[in-house]
């Protein structure tokens, strides 16, 4: 690529239109290096492709060389196939296990010929910005590593503590309650005692999947410690909706079969209980609300398996805390 860049520079000396294309490359470079994160980099790159080549159908994704999985960062326009007549794709080597892939589709033959004619300049642009994208990828993974639970891939306690006040501030202008569901697995220690920690992790992972499948995209789930998860339901119409979500999670998980032996296909079923408290209805002190939810998780477990207990101001918990 280094040799090709030198050749492009030589061509630009002789042709002002090609010089302008080189200037466009470094304008993109300058724009991306001031981006805050990988998503903003993707947005800026998409805008550049639209401005310079009128590209509207585009996908910016990451490809993991180790497990051969693809993660989409940004999609715009209509769906298209990589082997389509007017499609292009460019692999941006970031010198990590994650390569960036930019794929797009133009609308007609004239546009296809124009992009094909400029392919060397697009390659050169992506070569120049690859170190910036590498930094963006590393920053993204550092942030995720510090905020994601390594077992279940949901948010961790640290993330929740840092962001819970942001969640509250967003809810106040709309005068909306936030429902907090404290979820715990019934007799989770028995799983460890009978099997091992790997099977325990499988149970946690399956519960996390059920929770994610049941809640909405803007709700938040975090694993606090051991077998406990906290769910923040942001935009529910009534308190009954929170109980309905809790019961849906309970029923779905109770019917989930967890394979504990790959050879014999032996399966295990577990149950959960849920304690619920509402902010700011129950208290304007978020710590008290979370304490309420935790206490009533214990209240639910005292009643048996697959139970829900909702905090009531006039009701004293039967739990002896001391």
C-alpha atoms as a PDB file:
ATOM      1  CA  UNK A   1       0.000   0.000   0.000  1.00  0.00           C
ATOM      2  CA  UNK A   2       2.915   2.311   0.680  1.00  0.00           C
ATOM      3  CA  UNK A   3       4.066   2.037  -2.954  1.00  0.00           C
ATOM      4  CA  UNK A   4       0.553   2.696  -4.198  1.00  0.00           C
ATOM      5  CA  UNK A   5       0.318   5.813  -2.040  1.00  0.00           C
ATOM      6  CA  UNK A   6       3.559   7.142  -3.541  1.00  0.00           C
ATOM      7  CA  UNK A   7       2.192   6.492  -7.026  1.00  0.00           C
ATOM      8  CA  UNK A   8      -1.015   8.344  -6.204  1.00  0.00           C
ATOM      9  CA  UNK A   9       1.015  11.295  -4.961  1.00  0.00           C
ATOM     10  CA  UNK A  10       2.986  11.314  -8.215  1.00  0.00           C
ATOM     11  CA  UNK A  11      -0.249  11.303 -10.198  1.00  0.00           C
ATOM     12  CA  UNK A  12      -1.615  14.147  -8.076  1.00  0.00           C
ATOM     13  CA  UNK A  13       1.407  16.308  -8.940  1.00  0.00           C
ATOM     14  CA  UNK A  14       0.448  16.052 -12.597  1.00  0.00           C
ATOM     15  CA  UNK A  15      -3.335  16.182 -12.242  1.00  0.00           C
ATOM     16  CA  UNK A  16      -5.116  18.710 -10.001  1.00  0.00           C
ATOM     17  CA  UNK A  17      -8.304  16.599  -9.878  1.00  0.00           C
ATOM     18  CA  UNK A  18      -6.305  13.754  -8.343  1.00  0.00           C
ATOM     19  CA  UNK A  19      -4.688  16.217  -5.952  1.00  0.00           C
ATOM     20  CA  UNK A  20      -8.172  17.158  -4.806  1.00  0.00           C
ATOM     21  CA  UNK A  21      -8.918  13.477  -4.145  1.00  0.00           C
ATOM     22  CA  UNK A  22      -5.809  13.209  -1.972  1.00  0.00           C
ATOM     23  CA  UNK A  23      -6.893  16.296  -0.058  1.00  0.00           C
ATOM     24  CA  UNK A  24     -10.252  14.606   0.528  1.00  0.00           C
ATOM     25  CA  UNK A  25      -8.439  11.632   2.071  1.00  0.00           C
ATOM     26  CA  UNK A  26      -6.635  13.791   4.607  1.00  0.00           C
ATOM     27  CA  UNK A  27      -9.793  15.775   5.310  1.00  0.00           C
ATOM     28  CA  UNK A  28     -11.402  12.465   6.293  1.00  0.00           C
ATOM     29  CA  UNK A  29      -8.346  11.597   8.397  1.00  0.00           C
ATOM     30  CA  UNK A  30      -8.600  14.897  10.297  1.00  0.00           C
ATOM     31  CA  UNK A  31     -12.323  14.442  10.853  1.00  0.00           C
ATOM     32  CA  UNK A  32     -11.993  10.918  12.227  1.00  0.00           C
ATOM     33  CA  UNK A  33      -9.138  11.643  14.594  1.00  0.00           C
ATOM     34  CA  UNK A  34     -11.369  14.046  16.534  1.00  0.00           C
ATOM     35  CA  UNK A  35     -14.253  11.563  16.791  1.00  0.00           C
ATOM     36  CA  UNK A  36     -15.201  10.599  20.332  1.00  0.00           C
ATOM     37  CA  UNK A  37     -15.799   6.901  19.699  1.00  0.00           C
ATOM     38  CA  UNK A  38     -16.065   4.190  17.058  1.00  0.00           C
ATOM     39  CA  UNK A  39     -19.723   4.934  16.351  1.00  0.00           C
ATOM     40  CA  UNK A  40     -18.939   8.563  15.557  1.00  0.00           C
ATOM     41  CA  UNK A  41     -16.059   7.415  13.341  1.00  0.00           C
ATOM     42  CA  UNK A  42     -18.482   5.175  11.445  1.00  0.00           C
ATOM     43  CA  UNK A  43     -20.945   8.063  11.061  1.00  0.00           C
ATOM     44  CA  UNK A  44     -18.222  10.361   9.714  1.00  0.00           C
ATOM     45  CA  UNK A  45     -16.993   7.724   7.279  1.00  0.00           C
ATOM     46  CA  UNK A  46     -20.518   7.088   6.004  1.00  0.00           C
ATOM     47  CA  UNK A  47     -21.065  10.832   5.548  1.00  0.00           C
ATOM     48  CA  UNK A  48     -17.777  11.072   3.618  1.00  0.00           C
ATOM     49  CA  UNK A  49     -18.774   8.255   1.256  1.00  0.00           C
ATOM     50  CA  UNK A  50     -22.136   9.905   0.641  1.00  0.00           C
ATOM     51  CA  UNK A  51     -20.603  13.327   0.055  1.00  0.00           C
ATOM     52  CA  UNK A  52     -17.859  12.106  -2.287  1.00  0.00           C
ATOM     53  CA  UNK A  53     -19.570   9.153  -4.005  1.00  0.00           C
ATOM     54  CA  UNK A  54     -23.315   9.559  -3.271  1.00  0.00           C
ATOM     55  CA  UNK A  55     -23.373   6.203  -1.460  1.00  0.00           C
ATOM     56  CA  UNK A  56     -26.615   5.677   0.503  1.00  0.00           C
ATOM     57  CA  UNK A  57     -26.695   1.895   1.090  1.00  0.00           C
ATOM     58  CA  UNK A  58     -23.835   1.064   3.415  1.00  0.00           C
ATOM     59  CA  UNK A  59     -22.787  -1.234   6.265  1.00  0.00           C
ATOM     60  CA  UNK A  60     -19.871  -0.597   8.630  1.00  0.00           C
ATOM     61  CA  UNK A  61     -19.048  -3.709  10.654  1.00  0.00           C
ATOM     62  CA  UNK A  62     -16.297  -5.480  12.581  1.00  0.00           C
ATOM     63  CA  UNK A  63     -15.105  -9.001  11.761  1.00  0.00           C
ATOM     64  CA  UNK A  64     -13.504 -11.047  14.527  1.00  0.00           C
ATOM     65  CA  UNK A  65     -10.709 -13.172  13.059  1.00  0.00           C
ATOM     66  CA  UNK A  66     -10.650 -15.492  16.081  1.00  0.00           C
ATOM     67  CA  UNK A  67     -14.273 -16.644  16.239  1.00  0.00           C
ATOM     68  CA  UNK A  68     -15.251 -15.525  12.714  1.00  0.00           C
ATOM     69  CA  UNK A  69     -18.222 -13.447  13.844  1.00  0.00           C
ATOM     70  CA  UNK A  70     -19.422 -10.136  12.426  1.00  0.00           C
ATOM     71  CA  UNK A  71     -20.777  -7.219  14.473  1.00  0.00           C
ATOM     72  CA  UNK A  72     -22.591  -4.407  12.697  1.00  0.00           C
ATOM     73  CA  UNK A  73     -21.668  -0.929  13.958  1.00  0.00           C
ATOM     74  CA  UNK A  74     -23.729   1.164  11.541  1.00  0.00           C
ATOM     75  CA  UNK A  75     -26.179   0.407   8.733  1.00  0.00           C
ATOM     76  CA  UNK A  76     -27.820   2.891   6.411  1.00  0.00           C
ATOM     77  CA  UNK A  77     -30.098   2.564   3.422  1.00  0.00           C
ATOM     78  CA  UNK A  78     -31.494  -0.611   1.908  1.00  0.00           C
ATOM     79  CA  UNK A  79     -30.272  -4.181   2.378  1.00  0.00           C
ATOM     80  CA  UNK A  80     -27.924  -5.485  -0.328  1.00  0.00           C
ATOM     81  CA  UNK A  81     -25.796  -8.518  -1.145  1.00  0.00           C
ATOM     82  CA  UNK A  82     -22.009  -8.381  -1.254  1.00  0.00           C
ATOM     83  CA  UNK A  83     -22.025 -10.283  -4.551  1.00  0.00           C
ATOM     84  CA  UNK A  84     -24.559  -7.910  -6.107  1.00  0.00           C
ATOM     85  CA  UNK A  85     -23.810  -6.235  -9.444  1.00  0.00           C
ATOM     86  CA  UNK A  86     -23.242  -2.789  -7.913  1.00  0.00           C
ATOM     87  CA  UNK A  87     -21.708  -3.792  -4.570  1.00  0.00           C
ATOM     88  CA  UNK A  88     -18.275  -3.049  -3.109  1.00  0.00           C
ATOM     89  CA  UNK A  89     -16.560  -4.083   0.085  1.00  0.00           C
ATOM     90  CA  UNK A  90     -13.299  -2.933   1.641  1.00  0.00           C
ATOM     91  CA  UNK A  91     -11.412  -4.630   4.472  1.00  0.00           C
ATOM     92  CA  UNK A  92      -9.575  -2.238   6.793  1.00  0.00           C
ATOM     93  CA  UNK A  93      -6.738  -3.997   8.603  1.00  0.00           C
ATOM     94  CA  UNK A  94      -6.457  -2.578  12.126  1.00  0.00           C
ATOM     95  CA  UNK A  95      -3.636  -4.979  13.174  1.00  0.00           C
ATOM     96  CA  UNK A  96      -5.865  -6.487  15.873  1.00  0.00           C
ATOM     97  CA  UNK A  97      -8.084  -9.569  15.850  1.00  0.00           C
ATOM     98  CA  UNK A  98     -10.870  -7.235  14.663  1.00  0.00           C
ATOM     99  CA  UNK A  99     -10.862  -5.901  11.122  1.00  0.00           C
ATOM    100  CA  UNK A 100     -13.256  -3.192  10.002  1.00  0.00           C
ATOM    101  CA  UNK A 101     -15.323  -3.958   6.912  1.00  0.00           C
ATOM    102  CA  UNK A 102     -17.008  -1.247   4.886  1.00  0.00           C
ATOM    103  CA  UNK A 103     -19.485  -2.567   2.329  1.00  0.00           C
ATOM    104  CA  UNK A 104     -21.842  -0.542   0.177  1.00  0.00           C
ATOM    105  CA  UNK A 105     -24.003  -0.709  -2.900  1.00  0.00           C
ATOM    106  CA  UNK A 106     -24.494   1.992  -5.529  1.00  0.00           C
ATOM    107  CA  UNK A 107     -27.633   2.447  -7.604  1.00  0.00           C
ATOM    108  CA  UNK A 108     -26.582   2.243 -11.238  1.00  0.00           C
ATOM    109  CA  UNK A 109     -23.827   1.415 -13.713  1.00  0.00           C
ATOM    110  CA  UNK A 110     -22.630   5.007 -14.042  1.00  0.00           C
ATOM    111  CA  UNK A 111     -22.121   5.304 -10.291  1.00  0.00           C
ATOM    112  CA  UNK A 112     -20.491   1.871 -10.210  1.00  0.00           C
ATOM    113  CA  UNK A 113     -17.988   2.908 -12.905  1.00  0.00           C
ATOM    114  CA  UNK A 114     -17.205   6.127 -11.048  1.00  0.00           C
ATOM    115  CA  UNK A 115     -16.468   4.325  -7.776  1.00  0.00           C
ATOM    116  CA  UNK A 116     -14.474   1.623  -9.596  1.00  0.00           C
ATOM    117  CA  UNK A 117     -12.358   4.302 -11.254  1.00  0.00           C
ATOM    118  CA  UNK A 118     -11.587   5.788  -7.826  1.00  0.00           C
ATOM    119  CA  UNK A 119     -11.047   2.480  -6.025  1.00  0.00           C
ATOM    120  CA  UNK A 120      -7.329   3.144  -5.484  1.00  0.00           C
ATOM    121  CA  UNK A 121      -8.139   6.433  -3.751  1.00  0.00           C
ATOM    122  CA  UNK A 122     -10.771   4.788  -1.535  1.00  0.00           C
ATOM    123  CA  UNK A 123      -8.264   2.063  -0.624  1.00  0.00           C
ATOM    124  CA  UNK A 124      -5.739   4.784   0.172  1.00  0.00           C
ATOM    125  CA  UNK A 125      -8.255   6.600   2.358  1.00  0.00           C
ATOM    126  CA  UNK A 126      -9.011   3.445   4.347  1.00  0.00           C
ATOM    127  CA  UNK A 127      -5.302   2.701   4.684  1.00  0.00           C
ATOM    128  CA  UNK A 128      -4.698   6.152   6.161  1.00  0.00           C
ATOM    129  CA  UNK A 129      -7.534   5.950   8.688  1.00  0.00           C
ATOM    130  CA  UNK A 130      -6.832   2.376   9.836  1.00  0.00           C
ATOM    131  CA  UNK A 131      -4.722   3.473  12.867  1.00  0.00           C
ATOM    132  CA  UNK A 132      -7.543   5.766  14.002  1.00  0.00           C
ATOM    133  CA  UNK A 133     -10.085   2.962  13.674  1.00  0.00           C
ATOM    134  CA  UNK A 134      -7.736   0.661  15.591  1.00  0.00           C
ATOM    135  CA  UNK A 135      -7.678   3.133  18.479  1.00  0.00           C
ATOM    136  CA  UNK A 136     -11.469   3.401  18.315  1.00  0.00           C
ATOM    137  CA  UNK A 137     -11.839  -0.376  18.470  1.00  0.00           C
ATOM    138  CA  UNK A 138      -9.434  -0.660  21.402  1.00  0.00           C
ATOM    139  CA  UNK A 139     -11.258   2.117  23.267  1.00  0.00           C
ATOM    140  CA  UNK A 140     -14.610   0.422  22.623  1.00  0.00           C
ATOM    141  CA  UNK A 141     -13.339  -2.886  23.968  1.00  0.00           C
ATOM    142  CA  UNK A 142     -11.754  -1.264  26.997  1.00  0.00           C
ATOM    143  CA  UNK A 143     -15.047   0.425  27.896  1.00  0.00           C
ATOM    144  CA  UNK A 144     -17.027  -2.766  27.323  1.00  0.00           C
ATOM    145  CA  UNK A 145     -14.565  -4.867  29.297  1.00  0.00           C
ATOM    146  CA  UNK A 146     -14.948  -2.580  32.298  1.00  0.00           C
ATOM    147  CA  UNK A 147     -18.752  -2.497  32.130  1.00  0.00           C
ATOM    148  CA  UNK A 148     -19.725  -6.018  30.998  1.00  0.00           C
ATOM    149  CA  UNK A 149     -20.042  -9.087  33.205  1.00  0.00           C
ATOM    150  CA  UNK A 150     -17.601 -11.650  31.813  1.00  0.00           C
ATOM    151  CA  UNK A 151     -19.913 -14.635  32.383  1.00  0.00           C
ATOM    152  CA  UNK A 152     -23.316 -13.428  31.177  1.00  0.00           C
ATOM    153  CA  UNK A 153     -22.354 -10.491  28.911  1.00  0.00           C
ATOM    154  CA  UNK A 154     -24.881  -8.200  30.609  1.00  0.00           C
ATOM    155  CA  UNK A 155     -23.867  -4.977  32.339  1.00  0.00           C
ATOM    156  CA  UNK A 156     -22.011  -5.294  35.617  1.00  0.00           C
ATOM    157  CA  UNK A 157     -22.466  -3.611  38.994  1.00  0.00           C
ATOM    158  CA  UNK A 158     -19.898  -0.917  38.202  1.00  0.00           C
ATOM    159  CA  UNK A 159     -21.772   0.172  35.079  1.00  0.00           C
ATOM    160  CA  UNK A 160     -25.083   0.246  36.916  1.00  0.00           C
ATOM    161  CA  UNK A 161     -23.727   2.400  39.743  1.00  0.00           C
ATOM    162  CA  UNK A 162     -22.175   4.850  37.251  1.00  0.00           C
ATOM    163  CA  UNK A 163     -25.286   5.135  35.059  1.00  0.00           C
ATOM    164  CA  UNK A 164     -28.221   4.770  37.404  1.00  0.00           C
ATOM    165  CA  UNK A 165     -28.320   8.491  38.168  1.00  0.00           C
ATOM    166  CA  UNK A 166     -28.359   9.252  34.438  1.00  0.00           C
ATOM    167  CA  UNK A 167     -31.345   6.940  34.089  1.00  0.00           C
ATOM    168  CA  UNK A 168     -33.119   8.792  36.896  1.00  0.00           C
ATOM    169  CA  UNK A 169     -32.392  12.237  35.439  1.00  0.00           C
ATOM    170  CA  UNK A 170     -33.848  11.165  32.087  1.00  0.00           C
ATOM    171  CA  UNK A 171     -37.050   9.936  33.728  1.00  0.00           C
ATOM    172  CA  UNK A 172     -37.726  13.068  35.807  1.00  0.00           C
ATOM    173  CA  UNK A 173     -38.690  15.485  32.974  1.00  0.00           C
ATOM    174  CA  UNK A 174     -41.360  13.036  31.813  1.00  0.00           C
ATOM    175  CA  UNK A 175     -42.526  12.313  35.388  1.00  0.00           C
ATOM    176  CA  UNK A 176     -42.170   8.598  34.776  1.00  0.00           C
ATOM    177  CA  UNK A 177     -41.564   5.879  37.322  1.00  0.00           C
ATOM    178  CA  UNK A 178     -38.709   3.426  36.983  1.00  0.00           C
ATOM    179  CA  UNK A 179     -39.448  -0.117  38.062  1.00  0.00           C
ATOM    180  CA  UNK A 180     -36.557  -2.031  39.607  1.00  0.00           C
ATOM    181  CA  UNK A 181     -36.694  -5.830  39.531  1.00  0.00           C
ATOM    182  CA  UNK A 182     -34.258  -7.693  41.769  1.00  0.00           C
ATOM    183  CA  UNK A 183     -34.012 -11.237  40.417  1.00  0.00           C
ATOM    184  CA  UNK A 184     -32.470 -14.209  42.219  1.00  0.00           C
ATOM    185  CA  UNK A 185     -32.222 -17.903  41.349  1.00  0.00           C
ATOM    186  CA  UNK A 186     -33.916 -20.263  43.802  1.00  0.00           C
ATOM    187  CA  UNK A 187     -31.411 -22.501  45.610  1.00  0.00           C
ATOM    188  CA  UNK A 188     -28.587 -21.602  43.274  1.00  0.00           C
ATOM    189  CA  UNK A 189     -25.941 -22.990  45.631  1.00  0.00           C
ATOM    190  CA  UNK A 190     -27.456 -26.448  45.143  1.00  0.00           C
ATOM    191  CA  UNK A 191     -26.454 -26.287  41.476  1.00  0.00           C
ATOM    192  CA  UNK A 192     -22.822 -25.721  42.447  1.00  0.00           C
ATOM    193  CA  UNK A 193     -22.935 -28.432  45.087  1.00  0.00           C
ATOM    194  CA  UNK A 194     -24.517 -31.029  42.805  1.00  0.00           C
ATOM    195  CA  UNK A 195     -22.643 -30.142  39.620  1.00  0.00           C
ATOM    196  CA  UNK A 196     -19.905 -27.484  39.439  1.00  0.00           C
ATOM    197  CA  UNK A 197     -19.265 -23.806  38.732  1.00  0.00           C
ATOM    198  CA  UNK A 198     -19.361 -24.317  34.940  1.00  0.00           C
ATOM    199  CA  UNK A 199     -22.944 -25.561  35.172  1.00  0.00           C
ATOM    200  CA  UNK A 200     -23.680 -22.659  37.505  1.00  0.00           C
ATOM    201  CA  UNK A 201     -22.395 -20.299  34.803  1.00  0.00           C
ATOM    202  CA  UNK A 202     -24.664 -22.010  32.244  1.00  0.00           C
ATOM    203  CA  UNK A 203     -27.665 -21.333  34.483  1.00  0.00           C
ATOM    204  CA  UNK A 204     -26.671 -17.661  34.819  1.00  0.00           C
ATOM    205  CA  UNK A 205     -26.169 -17.313  31.059  1.00  0.00           C
ATOM    206  CA  UNK A 206     -29.586 -18.809  30.281  1.00  0.00           C
ATOM    207  CA  UNK A 207     -31.264 -16.512  32.792  1.00  0.00           C
ATOM    208  CA  UNK A 208     -29.529 -13.496  31.250  1.00  0.00           C
ATOM    209  CA  UNK A 209     -30.813 -14.565  27.811  1.00  0.00           C
ATOM    210  CA  UNK A 210     -34.379 -14.881  29.091  1.00  0.00           C
ATOM    211  CA  UNK A 211     -34.236 -11.452  30.744  1.00  0.00           C
ATOM    212  CA  UNK A 212     -32.830  -9.795  27.616  1.00  0.00           C
ATOM    213  CA  UNK A 213     -35.460 -11.459  25.450  1.00  0.00           C
ATOM    214  CA  UNK A 214     -38.257 -10.206  27.699  1.00  0.00           C
ATOM    215  CA  UNK A 215     -37.293  -6.581  28.344  1.00  0.00           C
ATOM    216  CA  UNK A 216     -37.076  -3.731  25.830  1.00  0.00           C
ATOM    217  CA  UNK A 217     -33.909  -2.414  24.204  1.00  0.00           C
ATOM    218  CA  UNK A 218     -33.765   0.724  26.353  1.00  0.00           C
ATOM    219  CA  UNK A 219     -34.258  -1.161  29.631  1.00  0.00           C
ATOM    220  CA  UNK A 220     -31.126  -2.136  31.556  1.00  0.00           C
ATOM    221  CA  UNK A 221     -30.101  -5.426  33.106  1.00  0.00           C
ATOM    222  CA  UNK A 222     -27.020  -5.850  35.278  1.00  0.00           C
ATOM    223  CA  UNK A 223     -25.590  -8.783  37.184  1.00  0.00           C
ATOM    224  CA  UNK A 224     -24.872  -7.587  40.701  1.00  0.00           C
ATOM    225  CA  UNK A 225     -23.212 -10.540  42.379  1.00  0.00           C
ATOM    226  CA  UNK A 226     -23.554 -14.301  42.512  1.00  0.00           C
ATOM    227  CA  UNK A 227     -26.993 -15.229  41.169  1.00  0.00           C
ATOM    228  CA  UNK A 228     -28.630 -11.793  41.496  1.00  0.00           C
ATOM    229  CA  UNK A 229     -29.617  -9.556  38.576  1.00  0.00           C
ATOM    230  CA  UNK A 230     -31.111  -6.076  38.691  1.00  0.00           C
ATOM    231  CA  UNK A 231     -33.416  -4.909  35.897  1.00  0.00           C
ATOM    232  CA  UNK A 232     -34.417  -1.260  35.394  1.00  0.00           C
ATOM    233  CA  UNK A 233     -37.644  -0.957  33.399  1.00  0.00           C
ATOM    234  CA  UNK A 234     -37.618   2.594  32.074  1.00  0.00           C
ATOM    235  CA  UNK A 235     -40.842   3.343  30.259  1.00  0.00           C
ATOM    236  CA  UNK A 236     -43.780   1.332  31.617  1.00  0.00           C
ATOM    237  CA  UNK A 237     -47.319   2.695  31.694  1.00  0.00           C
ATOM    238  CA  UNK A 238     -48.249   1.231  35.082  1.00  0.00           C
ATOM    239  CA  UNK A 239     -46.877  -0.732  38.017  1.00  0.00           C
ATOM    240  CA  UNK A 240     -48.891  -3.744  36.879  1.00  0.00           C
ATOM    241  CA  UNK A 241     -46.753  -3.820  33.729  1.00  0.00           C
ATOM    242  CA  UNK A 242     -43.661  -4.384  35.893  1.00  0.00           C
ATOM    243  CA  UNK A 243     -45.335  -7.352  37.618  1.00  0.00           C
ATOM    244  CA  UNK A 244     -46.335  -8.717  34.217  1.00  0.00           C
ATOM    245  CA  UNK A 245     -42.723  -8.494  33.013  1.00  0.00           C
ATOM    246  CA  UNK A 246     -41.516 -10.191  36.197  1.00  0.00           C
ATOM    247  CA  UNK A 247     -44.008 -13.043  35.787  1.00  0.00           C
ATOM    248  CA  UNK A 248     -43.098 -13.434  32.133  1.00  0.00           C
ATOM    249  CA  UNK A 249     -39.406 -13.793  33.045  1.00  0.00           C
ATOM    250  CA  UNK A 250     -40.308 -16.257  35.810  1.00  0.00           C
ATOM    251  CA  UNK A 251     -42.435 -18.438  33.538  1.00  0.00           C
ATOM    252  CA  UNK A 252     -40.018 -18.342  30.611  1.00  0.00           C
ATOM    253  CA  UNK A 253     -37.037 -19.300  32.766  1.00  0.00           C
ATOM    254  CA  UNK A 254     -38.963 -22.066  34.555  1.00  0.00           C
ATOM    255  CA  UNK A 255     -39.498 -23.718  31.166  1.00  0.00           C
ATOM    256  CA  UNK A 256     -35.878 -23.320  30.046  1.00  0.00           C
ATOM    257  CA  UNK A 257     -33.945 -26.574  29.830  1.00  0.00           C
ATOM    258  CA  UNK A 258     -30.231 -26.237  30.589  1.00  0.00           C
ATOM    259  CA  UNK A 259     -27.986 -29.012  29.303  1.00  0.00           C
ATOM    260  CA  UNK A 260     -25.699 -30.266  32.079  1.00  0.00           C
ATOM    261  CA  UNK A 261     -24.217 -33.244  30.205  1.00  0.00           C
ATOM    262  CA  UNK A 262     -23.474 -32.963  26.500  1.00  0.00           C
ATOM    263  CA  UNK A 263     -23.086 -36.744  26.089  1.00  0.00           C
ATOM    264  CA  UNK A 264     -26.272 -37.893  27.828  1.00  0.00           C
ATOM    265  CA  UNK A 265     -28.163 -34.635  27.077  1.00  0.00           C
ATOM    266  CA  UNK A 266     -29.214 -34.491  30.717  1.00  0.00           C
ATOM    267  CA  UNK A 267     -31.007 -31.210  31.399  1.00  0.00           C
ATOM    268  CA  UNK A 268     -31.716 -29.070  34.423  1.00  0.00           C
ATOM    269  CA  UNK A 269     -34.582 -26.657  35.131  1.00  0.00           C
ATOM    270  CA  UNK A 270     -34.384 -23.867  37.699  1.00  0.00           C
ATOM    271  CA  UNK A 271     -36.729 -21.219  39.032  1.00  0.00           C
ATOM    272  CA  UNK A 272     -36.339 -17.606  40.104  1.00  0.00           C
ATOM    273  CA  UNK A 273     -37.991 -15.115  42.429  1.00  0.00           C
ATOM    274  CA  UNK A 274     -38.359 -11.364  41.929  1.00  0.00           C
ATOM    275  CA  UNK A 275     -38.575  -8.408  44.295  1.00  0.00           C
ATOM    276  CA  UNK A 276     -39.957  -5.144  42.888  1.00  0.00           C
ATOM    277  CA  UNK A 277     -39.685  -1.531  44.005  1.00  0.00           C
ATOM    278  CA  UNK A 278     -40.582   1.700  42.178  1.00  0.00           C
ATOM    279  CA  UNK A 279     -38.764   5.021  41.860  1.00  0.00           C
ATOM    280  CA  UNK A 280     -39.765   7.628  42.956  1.00  0.00           C
ATOM    281  CA  UNK A 281     -43.109   6.199  44.091  1.00  0.00           C
ATOM    282  CA  UNK A 282     -41.587   4.162  46.924  1.00  0.00           C
ATOM    283  CA  UNK A 283     -38.758   6.555  47.723  1.00  0.00           C
ATOM    284  CA  UNK A 284     -36.782   9.371  46.105  1.00  0.00           C
ATOM    285  CA  UNK A 285     -33.636   7.843  47.585  1.00  0.00           C
ATOM    286  CA  UNK A 286     -32.432   5.398  44.924  1.00  0.00           C
ATOM    287  CA  UNK A 287     -30.379   3.447  47.454  1.00  0.00           C
ATOM    288  CA  UNK A 288     -33.519   2.865  49.507  1.00  0.00           C
ATOM    289  CA  UNK A 289     -35.429   1.743  46.414  1.00  0.00           C
ATOM    290  CA  UNK A 290     -32.743  -0.827  45.588  1.00  0.00           C
ATOM    291  CA  UNK A 291     -32.704  -1.970  49.217  1.00  0.00           C
ATOM    292  CA  UNK A 292     -36.491  -2.391  49.041  1.00  0.00           C
ATOM    293  CA  UNK A 293     -36.211  -4.514  45.897  1.00  0.00           C
ATOM    294  CA  UNK A 294     -33.501  -6.660  47.497  1.00  0.00           C
ATOM    295  CA  UNK A 295     -35.481  -7.127  50.725  1.00  0.00           C
ATOM    296  CA  UNK A 296     -38.566  -8.137  48.802  1.00  0.00           C
ATOM    297  CA  UNK A 297     -36.598 -10.594  46.706  1.00  0.00           C
ATOM    298  CA  UNK A 298     -35.914 -12.317  50.023  1.00  0.00           C
ATOM    299  CA  UNK A 299     -39.613 -11.931  50.883  1.00  0.00           C
ATOM    300  CA  UNK A 300     -40.522 -13.656  47.614  1.00  0.00           C
ATOM    301  CA  UNK A 301     -38.096 -16.508  48.287  1.00  0.00           C
ATOM    302  CA  UNK A 302     -39.636 -16.991  51.736  1.00  0.00           C
ATOM    303  CA  UNK A 303     -42.977 -17.638  50.021  1.00  0.00           C
ATOM    304  CA  UNK A 304     -41.582 -20.398  47.819  1.00  0.00           C
ATOM    305  CA  UNK A 305     -40.341 -20.785  44.254  1.00  0.00           C
ATOM    306  CA  UNK A 306     -41.272 -18.646  41.227  1.00  0.00           C
ATOM    307  CA  UNK A 307     -42.714 -15.862  43.392  1.00  0.00           C
ATOM    308  CA  UNK A 308     -42.984 -12.083  43.022  1.00  0.00           C
ATOM    309  CA  UNK A 309     -43.042  -9.685  45.983  1.00  0.00           C
ATOM    310  CA  UNK A 310     -43.774  -5.972  45.495  1.00  0.00           C
ATOM    311  CA  UNK A 311     -42.680  -3.368  48.022  1.00  0.00           C
ATOM    312  CA  UNK A 312     -45.570  -1.658  49.792  1.00  0.00           C
ATOM    313  CA  UNK A 313     -44.968   1.359  52.023  1.00  0.00           C
ATOM    314  CA  UNK A 314     -47.612   0.304  54.484  1.00  0.00           C
ATOM    315  CA  UNK A 315     -46.333  -3.288  54.557  1.00  0.00           C
ATOM    316  CA  UNK A 316     -43.445  -4.323  56.772  1.00  0.00           C
ATOM    317  CA  UNK A 317     -41.224  -7.053  55.400  1.00  0.00           C
ATOM    318  CA  UNK A 318     -41.257 -10.243  57.408  1.00  0.00           C
ATOM    319  CA  UNK A 319     -37.506 -10.542  56.904  1.00  0.00           C
ATOM    320  CA  UNK A 320     -35.476 -10.246  60.074  1.00  0.00           C
ATOM    321  CA  UNK A 321     -32.468  -8.286  58.827  1.00  0.00           C
ATOM    322  CA  UNK A 322     -30.448  -8.459  62.031  1.00  0.00           C
END
